[in-house]
N, C-alpha and C. Protein backbone atom coordinates (compact mmCIF):
# COMPACT_ATOMS: atom_id res chain seq x y z
N MET A 1 -19.84 -3.67 7.62
CA MET A 1 -19.02 -2.50 7.93
C MET A 1 -17.66 -2.93 8.46
N ARG A 2 -17.66 -3.98 9.29
CA ARG A 2 -16.40 -4.45 9.86
C ARG A 2 -15.45 -4.94 8.77
N THR A 3 -16.01 -5.59 7.76
CA THR A 3 -15.20 -6.09 6.65
C THR A 3 -14.52 -4.94 5.92
N VAL A 4 -15.25 -3.87 5.69
CA VAL A 4 -14.70 -2.71 4.97
C VAL A 4 -13.58 -2.08 5.78
N VAL A 5 -13.75 -1.94 7.09
CA VAL A 5 -12.71 -1.35 7.94
C VAL A 5 -11.46 -2.21 7.93
N ILE A 6 -11.64 -3.52 7.99
CA ILE A 6 -10.48 -4.43 7.94
C ILE A 6 -9.76 -4.29 6.60
N PHE A 7 -10.51 -4.21 5.53
CA PHE A 7 -9.90 -4.04 4.20
C PHE A 7 -9.13 -2.72 4.12
N VAL A 8 -9.71 -1.64 4.64
CA VAL A 8 -9.05 -0.33 4.58
C VAL A 8 -7.75 -0.35 5.38
N LEU A 9 -7.78 -0.91 6.58
CA LEU A 9 -6.56 -0.97 7.39
C LEU A 9 -5.49 -1.84 6.73
N LEU A 10 -5.92 -2.96 6.17
CA LEU A 10 -4.97 -3.83 5.47
C LEU A 10 -4.37 -3.11 4.26
N GLY A 11 -5.19 -2.37 3.53
CA GLY A 11 -4.70 -1.62 2.37
C GLY A 11 -3.72 -0.54 2.77
N ALA A 12 -3.99 0.15 3.89
CA ALA A 12 -3.08 1.19 4.35
C ALA A 12 -1.73 0.60 4.74
N ILE A 13 -1.76 -0.52 5.42
CA ILE A 13 -0.50 -1.16 5.82
C ILE A 13 0.27 -1.65 4.60
N LEU A 14 -0.42 -2.31 3.67
CA LEU A 14 0.26 -2.81 2.47
C LEU A 14 0.79 -1.67 1.60
N GLY A 15 0.07 -0.57 1.53
CA GLY A 15 0.54 0.58 0.76
C GLY A 15 1.79 1.19 1.36
N ALA A 16 1.83 1.30 2.69
CA ALA A 16 3.03 1.84 3.36
C ALA A 16 4.21 0.90 3.20
N VAL A 17 3.97 -0.40 3.27
CA VAL A 17 5.06 -1.37 3.09
C VAL A 17 5.58 -1.31 1.66
N ALA A 18 4.68 -1.22 0.70
CA ALA A 18 5.11 -1.14 -0.70
C ALA A 18 5.94 0.12 -0.93
N ALA A 19 5.52 1.24 -0.36
CA ALA A 19 6.29 2.47 -0.51
C ALA A 19 7.65 2.34 0.17
N SER A 20 7.71 1.65 1.29
CA SER A 20 8.99 1.46 1.99
C SER A 20 9.95 0.62 1.17
N LEU A 21 9.42 -0.26 0.34
CA LEU A 21 10.28 -1.10 -0.50
C LEU A 21 10.65 -0.41 -1.81
N ILE A 22 9.79 0.42 -2.33
CA ILE A 22 10.00 1.03 -3.65
C ILE A 22 10.78 2.33 -3.57
N VAL A 23 10.52 3.17 -2.58
CA VAL A 23 11.06 4.52 -2.56
C VAL A 23 12.58 4.60 -2.33
N PRO A 24 13.18 3.85 -1.39
CA PRO A 24 14.63 4.00 -1.20
C PRO A 24 15.47 3.76 -2.45
N PRO A 25 15.22 2.68 -3.22
CA PRO A 25 16.01 2.55 -4.45
C PRO A 25 15.74 3.68 -5.45
N THR A 26 14.50 4.15 -5.47
CA THR A 26 14.16 5.25 -6.38
C THR A 26 14.89 6.53 -5.98
N LEU A 27 14.93 6.82 -4.69
CA LEU A 27 15.64 8.01 -4.22
C LEU A 27 17.13 7.91 -4.53
N SER A 28 17.72 6.74 -4.33
CA SER A 28 19.15 6.62 -4.60
C SER A 28 19.43 6.75 -6.09
N TRP A 29 18.54 6.23 -6.94
CA TRP A 29 18.74 6.36 -8.38
C TRP A 29 18.57 7.81 -8.80
N TYR A 30 17.54 8.47 -8.26
CA TYR A 30 17.24 9.84 -8.66
C TYR A 30 18.35 10.81 -8.23
N ASN A 31 18.97 10.56 -7.11
CA ASN A 31 20.00 11.46 -6.59
C ASN A 31 21.42 11.01 -6.91
N GLU A 32 21.55 10.07 -7.80
CA GLU A 32 22.86 9.55 -8.17
C GLU A 32 23.64 10.62 -8.95
N ALA A 33 24.95 10.65 -8.72
CA ALA A 33 25.78 11.66 -9.37
C ALA A 33 26.00 11.37 -10.84
N GLY A 34 25.74 10.21 -11.27
CA GLY A 34 25.94 9.86 -12.66
C GLY A 34 27.06 8.85 -12.79
N PHE A 35 27.48 8.64 -14.00
CA PHE A 35 28.50 7.64 -14.26
C PHE A 35 29.87 8.28 -14.49
N LEU A 36 30.09 9.44 -13.92
CA LEU A 36 31.36 10.12 -14.12
C LEU A 36 32.51 9.42 -13.41
N SER A 37 32.22 8.74 -12.32
CA SER A 37 33.30 8.12 -11.56
C SER A 37 33.57 6.68 -11.97
N GLN A 38 32.94 6.24 -13.03
CA GLN A 38 33.14 4.87 -13.48
C GLN A 38 34.50 4.75 -14.16
N PRO A 39 35.17 3.59 -13.99
CA PRO A 39 36.46 3.40 -14.66
C PRO A 39 36.30 3.47 -16.17
N GLY A 40 37.28 4.01 -16.81
CA GLY A 40 37.26 4.10 -18.26
C GLY A 40 36.63 5.38 -18.78
N SER A 41 36.11 6.21 -17.90
CA SER A 41 35.50 7.45 -18.38
C SER A 41 36.56 8.52 -18.60
N GLY A 42 37.77 8.29 -18.07
CA GLY A 42 38.85 9.23 -18.28
C GLY A 42 38.77 10.46 -17.40
N GLN A 43 37.84 10.52 -16.50
CA GLN A 43 37.68 11.70 -15.68
C GLN A 43 38.16 11.49 -14.26
N GLY A 44 38.48 10.28 -13.88
CA GLY A 44 38.93 10.04 -12.51
C GLY A 44 37.76 9.97 -11.55
N GLN A 45 38.04 10.25 -10.32
CA GLN A 45 36.99 10.16 -9.31
C GLN A 45 36.30 11.51 -9.13
N VAL A 46 35.03 11.43 -8.81
CA VAL A 46 34.25 12.63 -8.55
C VAL A 46 34.00 12.69 -7.06
N GLN A 47 34.30 13.82 -6.47
CA GLN A 47 34.04 14.00 -5.05
C GLN A 47 32.92 15.02 -4.90
N ALA A 48 32.06 14.75 -3.98
CA ALA A 48 30.94 15.67 -3.76
C ALA A 48 30.96 16.14 -2.31
N LEU A 49 30.69 17.40 -2.12
CA LEU A 49 30.56 17.95 -0.79
C LEU A 49 29.07 18.01 -0.48
N VAL A 50 28.70 17.34 0.60
CA VAL A 50 27.28 17.32 0.95
C VAL A 50 27.10 17.72 2.41
N ASN A 51 25.97 18.27 2.68
CA ASN A 51 25.58 18.61 4.03
C ASN A 51 24.76 17.42 4.55
N ILE A 52 25.38 16.56 5.35
CA ILE A 52 24.76 15.31 5.77
C ILE A 52 23.43 15.53 6.48
N PRO A 53 23.30 16.44 7.44
CA PRO A 53 21.99 16.62 8.07
C PRO A 53 20.90 17.01 7.08
N GLN A 54 21.25 17.82 6.09
CA GLN A 54 20.27 18.22 5.08
C GLN A 54 19.88 17.02 4.21
N VAL A 55 20.83 16.18 3.87
CA VAL A 55 20.54 15.00 3.06
C VAL A 55 19.65 14.04 3.84
N ILE A 56 19.91 13.87 5.13
CA ILE A 56 19.09 12.98 5.95
C ILE A 56 17.67 13.52 6.07
N ARG A 57 17.52 14.82 6.29
CA ARG A 57 16.18 15.41 6.37
C ARG A 57 15.44 15.25 5.04
N TYR A 58 16.13 15.48 3.95
CA TYR A 58 15.52 15.34 2.62
C TYR A 58 15.05 13.91 2.40
N THR A 59 15.92 12.96 2.68
CA THR A 59 15.61 11.56 2.42
C THR A 59 14.47 11.07 3.30
N THR A 60 14.53 11.36 4.59
CA THR A 60 13.47 10.88 5.47
C THR A 60 12.14 11.56 5.18
N SER A 61 12.18 12.84 4.83
CA SER A 61 10.92 13.51 4.51
C SER A 61 10.30 12.91 3.25
N ARG A 62 11.11 12.62 2.25
CA ARG A 62 10.59 12.01 1.03
C ARG A 62 10.04 10.61 1.30
N LEU A 63 10.74 9.85 2.14
CA LEU A 63 10.29 8.50 2.46
C LEU A 63 8.97 8.55 3.24
N LEU A 64 8.86 9.44 4.21
CA LEU A 64 7.63 9.53 4.99
C LEU A 64 6.46 10.02 4.13
N LYS A 65 6.72 10.96 3.24
CA LYS A 65 5.66 11.41 2.33
C LYS A 65 5.21 10.27 1.42
N ALA A 66 6.16 9.52 0.91
CA ALA A 66 5.82 8.39 0.04
C ALA A 66 5.04 7.32 0.80
N GLN A 67 5.40 7.08 2.05
CA GLN A 67 4.66 6.11 2.84
C GLN A 67 3.24 6.58 3.10
N ALA A 68 3.07 7.87 3.37
CA ALA A 68 1.72 8.41 3.59
C ALA A 68 0.88 8.31 2.32
N ILE A 69 1.50 8.62 1.18
CA ILE A 69 0.78 8.52 -0.09
C ILE A 69 0.45 7.05 -0.38
N GLY A 70 1.40 6.15 -0.16
CA GLY A 70 1.15 4.73 -0.37
C GLY A 70 0.05 4.20 0.53
N ALA A 71 0.05 4.64 1.80
CA ALA A 71 -0.99 4.20 2.73
C ALA A 71 -2.35 4.73 2.28
N GLY A 72 -2.39 5.97 1.83
CA GLY A 72 -3.66 6.54 1.35
C GLY A 72 -4.19 5.83 0.11
N LEU A 73 -3.30 5.58 -0.84
CA LEU A 73 -3.72 4.87 -2.05
C LEU A 73 -4.15 3.44 -1.75
N GLY A 74 -3.40 2.77 -0.87
CA GLY A 74 -3.77 1.41 -0.49
C GLY A 74 -5.10 1.37 0.24
N ALA A 75 -5.32 2.34 1.15
CA ALA A 75 -6.59 2.39 1.88
C ALA A 75 -7.75 2.64 0.93
N PHE A 76 -7.57 3.56 -0.01
CA PHE A 76 -8.63 3.86 -0.96
C PHE A 76 -8.93 2.66 -1.85
N THR A 77 -7.88 2.02 -2.36
CA THR A 77 -8.06 0.85 -3.21
C THR A 77 -8.77 -0.27 -2.46
N PHE A 78 -8.33 -0.52 -1.23
CA PHE A 78 -8.94 -1.60 -0.47
C PHE A 78 -10.32 -1.20 0.06
N LEU A 79 -10.61 0.10 0.16
CA LEU A 79 -11.96 0.54 0.50
C LEU A 79 -12.93 0.11 -0.60
N ILE A 80 -12.52 0.30 -1.83
CA ILE A 80 -13.36 -0.11 -2.96
C ILE A 80 -13.51 -1.63 -2.97
N LEU A 81 -12.40 -2.35 -2.80
CA LEU A 81 -12.48 -3.82 -2.79
C LEU A 81 -13.30 -4.32 -1.61
N GLY A 82 -13.14 -3.71 -0.45
CA GLY A 82 -13.91 -4.12 0.73
C GLY A 82 -15.39 -3.84 0.56
N SER A 83 -15.74 -2.70 -0.02
CA SER A 83 -17.14 -2.38 -0.26
C SER A 83 -17.76 -3.37 -1.23
N TYR A 84 -17.02 -3.70 -2.26
CA TYR A 84 -17.50 -4.69 -3.23
C TYR A 84 -17.68 -6.05 -2.58
N SER A 85 -16.71 -6.44 -1.77
CA SER A 85 -16.78 -7.73 -1.08
C SER A 85 -17.94 -7.77 -0.10
N ALA A 86 -18.16 -6.71 0.64
CA ALA A 86 -19.25 -6.66 1.61
C ALA A 86 -20.60 -6.69 0.90
N SER A 87 -20.71 -5.99 -0.22
CA SER A 87 -21.99 -5.99 -0.93
C SER A 87 -22.28 -7.36 -1.54
N ARG A 88 -21.27 -8.04 -1.99
CA ARG A 88 -21.46 -9.39 -2.53
C ARG A 88 -21.88 -10.36 -1.45
N SER A 89 -21.30 -10.24 -0.26
CA SER A 89 -21.66 -11.17 0.81
C SER A 89 -23.06 -10.89 1.33
N ARG A 90 -23.52 -9.63 1.29
CA ARG A 90 -24.88 -9.31 1.70
C ARG A 90 -25.90 -9.87 0.71
N LYS A 91 -25.57 -9.80 -0.56
CA LYS A 91 -26.49 -10.33 -1.58
C LYS A 91 -26.59 -11.85 -1.48
N ARG A 92 -25.50 -12.49 -1.11
CA ARG A 92 -25.46 -13.93 -1.03
C ARG A 92 -26.24 -14.45 0.17
N LYS A 93 -26.34 -13.67 1.22
CA LYS A 93 -27.00 -14.10 2.45
C LYS A 93 -28.49 -13.77 2.42
N THR A 94 -29.21 -14.30 1.45
CA THR A 94 -30.65 -14.10 1.43
C THR A 94 -31.27 -15.11 2.39
N PRO A 95 -32.29 -14.70 3.12
CA PRO A 95 -32.88 -15.62 4.08
C PRO A 95 -33.52 -16.81 3.37
N ALA A 96 -33.27 -17.98 3.90
CA ALA A 96 -33.83 -19.21 3.33
C ALA A 96 -35.30 -19.29 3.71
N PRO A 97 -36.13 -19.80 2.82
CA PRO A 97 -37.54 -19.92 3.17
C PRO A 97 -37.71 -20.90 4.33
N SER A 98 -38.62 -20.56 5.23
CA SER A 98 -38.82 -21.44 6.38
C SER A 98 -39.52 -22.71 5.92
N PRO A 99 -39.13 -23.83 6.51
CA PRO A 99 -39.76 -25.09 6.08
C PRO A 99 -41.22 -25.12 6.52
N ALA A 100 -41.99 -25.78 5.73
CA ALA A 100 -43.42 -25.91 6.04
C ALA A 100 -43.59 -26.77 7.28
N PRO A 101 -44.55 -26.43 8.12
CA PRO A 101 -44.74 -27.26 9.32
C PRO A 101 -45.14 -28.66 8.94
N ALA A 102 -44.57 -29.60 9.66
CA ALA A 102 -44.87 -31.01 9.37
C ALA A 102 -46.29 -31.30 9.81
N SER A 103 -47.00 -31.98 8.97
CA SER A 103 -48.38 -32.33 9.34
C SER A 103 -48.38 -33.69 10.04
N ARG A 104 -49.18 -33.77 11.05
CA ARG A 104 -49.27 -35.04 11.80
C ARG A 104 -50.43 -35.86 11.22
N PRO A 105 -50.20 -37.12 11.16
CA PRO A 105 -51.32 -37.95 10.69
C PRO A 105 -52.43 -37.98 11.76
N PRO A 106 -53.67 -38.06 11.34
CA PRO A 106 -54.75 -38.07 12.33
C PRO A 106 -54.64 -39.29 13.25
N ALA A 107 -54.97 -39.10 14.47
CA ALA A 107 -54.86 -40.18 15.45
C ALA A 107 -56.11 -41.00 15.56
């Protein structure tokens, strides 16, 4: 049981870390204004009016949701791996037959 709990906690941490690494670039790509401000497009610069507090709330809420989802998926995945690992170690630990008592030669 202890092995399974360790696996689940490790999976939750790794899932949250993976989401922390994957989600910020994804959010910036998804919310990108496009290539209108690139040189050579003939359109000049694009200016956007944004409500900074709203953008911060949106970004942090998406990041926290993604971390929770990543932690849940990691915990579930590692729950399966931990259960499999624990069942394999239980099968491997079969009790060894006790050695036969040594017989003494007659005196």
